[in-house]
Every structure is written in C-alpha cells, then in structure tokens.
Amino acid sequence: MQKVYYLQTCDTCRRILKEINLAGFEKQEIKANPISVKQLEELHQLSKSYEALFNKRAKLYKSMDLKNQDLTETDYRQYLLDEYTFLKRPVFVVDDTIFIGNSPKEIELLKAKLGQ
C-alpha cells in the first residue's frame, strides 16, 4: 500500500508532494476527508505512538495550552480524531513503513525507500 495524508493548504505539503513521484499513491486530503478511526489505528500500528503522529507546532496546540498539560497516548489519539490540524504532515505510508512529517531527514528516507 502506498498512501499519503496531507493538507492542500499547507505550502510545505505542496512542496514535498511536488518533489515525490506520487504514481501509485492514494492521496487523502485530511481537511476535506478527515482521518477515520480505522486509518488512525493503522498509522498507530506502524508508528507505535500517537504522540509521534501529533503536530506540536499546530496553532491550536498553543491556543489550547496543551504544552502545559500532561497528555497521555489516549489524549493524543482523541485530539488527532477531533481536529485534523493535529496530524503531523505529510504522512506517507509505503508498504509497511511510515514517514511522518516534513523534516529533511524524513523526506530523504522516503525518497530512498521509493528509489527517487
């Protein structure tokens, strides 16, 4: 399976999607088509952590003052389901490997996996 979860309005996501050959990828724009419980569970199985999928740079994270709260994996899961902006993006799933976020290192690992 090859899939990417992204946000169309995010400049960084758009830039990365242009860099990657997306032939054969299923694309899911998370604002128009929010992530389902089943999809989140699949991502969790690959990442082993809801916190790894959680975007701590989201404006809502700061405005809700979540950084000063002691969040559990259950809390992260619920916030990810409640609000699309909390998903660290883009998220690429290539076979049984997950690539989370937009760090240069993560994108290079993705490109290496895809042979690009």
Protein backbone atom coordinates (compact mmCIF):
# COMPACT_ATOMS: atom_id res chain seq x y z
CA MET A 1 0.00 0.00 0.00
CA GLN A 2 1.19 3.49 -0.82
CA LYS A 3 -0.74 6.38 0.67
CA VAL A 4 -0.16 9.98 1.64
CA TYR A 5 -2.12 12.07 4.13
CA TYR A 6 -1.66 15.78 3.51
CA LEU A 7 -3.23 19.22 3.78
CA GLN A 8 -3.82 21.04 0.48
CA THR A 9 -3.50 24.49 2.07
CA CYS A 10 -0.07 23.71 3.55
CA ASP A 11 2.78 25.13 1.44
CA THR A 12 5.25 22.63 2.87
CA CYS A 13 2.99 19.69 1.97
CA ARG A 14 2.54 21.02 -1.57
CA ARG A 15 6.30 21.46 -1.98
CA ILE A 16 7.04 17.92 -0.77
CA LEU A 17 4.29 16.39 -2.92
CA LYS A 18 5.92 18.02 -5.97
CA GLU A 19 9.31 16.51 -5.03
CA ILE A 20 7.96 12.95 -4.74
CA ASN A 21 6.79 10.80 -7.64
CA LEU A 22 3.27 10.02 -6.45
CA ALA A 23 2.42 7.48 -9.16
CA GLY A 24 0.57 4.62 -7.47
CA PHE A 25 -0.11 6.62 -4.29
CA GLU A 26 -3.56 7.00 -2.83
CA LYS A 27 -3.88 10.63 -1.72
CA GLN A 28 -6.07 11.79 1.15
CA GLU A 29 -6.55 15.48 1.83
CA ILE A 30 -7.27 15.49 5.57
CA LYS A 31 -9.37 18.66 5.75
CA ALA A 32 -11.85 17.55 3.08
CA ASN A 33 -11.66 13.88 4.08
CA PRO A 34 -10.72 13.60 7.78
CA ILE A 35 -8.80 10.61 9.03
CA SER A 36 -11.02 7.79 10.30
CA VAL A 37 -10.60 5.77 13.49
CA LYS A 38 -9.53 2.75 11.41
CA GLN A 39 -6.94 4.79 9.49
CA LEU A 40 -5.56 6.28 12.70
CA GLU A 41 -5.26 2.81 14.20
CA GLU A 42 -3.35 1.65 11.10
CA LEU A 43 -0.97 4.63 11.40
CA HIS A 44 -0.53 3.90 15.11
CA GLN A 45 0.39 0.28 14.38
CA LEU A 46 3.16 1.48 12.07
CA SER A 47 4.41 4.36 14.23
CA LYS A 48 3.85 2.68 17.64
CA SER A 49 2.88 6.08 19.07
CA TYR A 50 0.07 8.61 18.77
CA GLU A 51 2.46 11.26 20.04
CA ALA A 52 4.73 10.64 17.02
CA LEU A 53 1.76 11.47 14.77
CA PHE A 54 0.87 14.59 16.75
CA ASN A 55 1.80 18.06 15.50
CA LYS A 56 3.02 20.08 18.47
CA ARG A 57 3.60 23.10 16.23
CA ALA A 58 -0.11 23.50 15.44
CA LYS A 59 -1.58 26.87 16.37
CA LEU A 60 -4.40 25.09 18.16
CA TYR A 61 -1.86 23.25 20.33
CA LYS A 62 -0.61 26.58 21.65
CA SER A 63 -4.02 28.26 21.90
CA MET A 64 -5.44 25.32 23.89
CA ASP A 65 -2.33 25.44 26.13
CA LEU A 66 -1.74 21.72 25.61
CA LYS A 67 2.01 22.11 26.07
CA ASN A 68 1.42 22.71 29.76
CA GLN A 69 -0.72 19.61 30.16
CA ASP A 70 0.48 16.07 30.76
CA LEU A 71 -1.04 14.34 27.72
CA THR A 72 -1.36 10.56 27.51
CA GLU A 73 -1.45 8.40 24.38
CA THR A 74 -5.25 8.30 24.79
CA ASP A 75 -5.34 12.13 24.81
CA TYR A 76 -3.19 12.33 21.68
CA ARG A 77 -5.46 9.80 19.95
CA GLN A 78 -8.60 11.78 20.77
CA TYR A 79 -7.12 15.10 19.67
CA LEU A 80 -5.98 13.52 16.38
CA LEU A 81 -9.52 12.30 15.74
CA ASP A 82 -11.14 15.58 16.82
CA GLU A 83 -9.05 18.03 14.80
CA TYR A 84 -7.23 17.46 11.50
CA THR A 85 -4.63 20.14 12.25
CA PHE A 86 -3.12 17.94 14.97
CA LEU A 87 -1.84 15.37 12.45
CA LYS A 88 1.84 15.95 11.73
CA ARG A 89 2.01 16.14 7.96
CA PRO A 90 2.55 14.92 5.44
CA VAL A 91 2.30 11.26 6.43
CA PHE A 92 3.47 8.76 3.84
CA VAL A 93 2.79 5.03 4.14
CA VAL A 94 4.90 2.88 1.84
CA ASP A 95 4.15 -0.82 2.25
CA ASP A 96 4.81 -1.37 5.97
CA THR A 97 6.91 1.76 6.57
CA ILE A 98 5.62 5.13 7.77
CA PHE A 99 7.22 8.53 7.20
CA ILE A 100 5.84 11.28 9.44
CA GLY A 101 6.35 14.99 8.99
CA ASN A 102 8.42 17.24 6.82
CA SER A 103 11.91 17.12 8.28
CA PRO A 104 14.61 16.91 5.59
CA LYS A 105 15.86 13.65 7.11
CA GLU A 106 12.40 12.06 6.91
CA ILE A 107 11.92 13.17 3.29
CA GLU A 108 15.35 11.78 2.33
CA LEU A 109 14.45 8.43 3.95
CA LEU A 110 11.19 8.43 1.99
CA LYS A 111 12.98 9.17 -1.27
CA ALA A 112 15.48 6.40 -0.57
CA LYS A 113 12.66 3.93 0.11
CA LEU A 114 10.99 4.93 -3.17
CA GLY A 115 14.28 4.88 -5.09
CA GLN A 116 13.99 8.55 -6.05
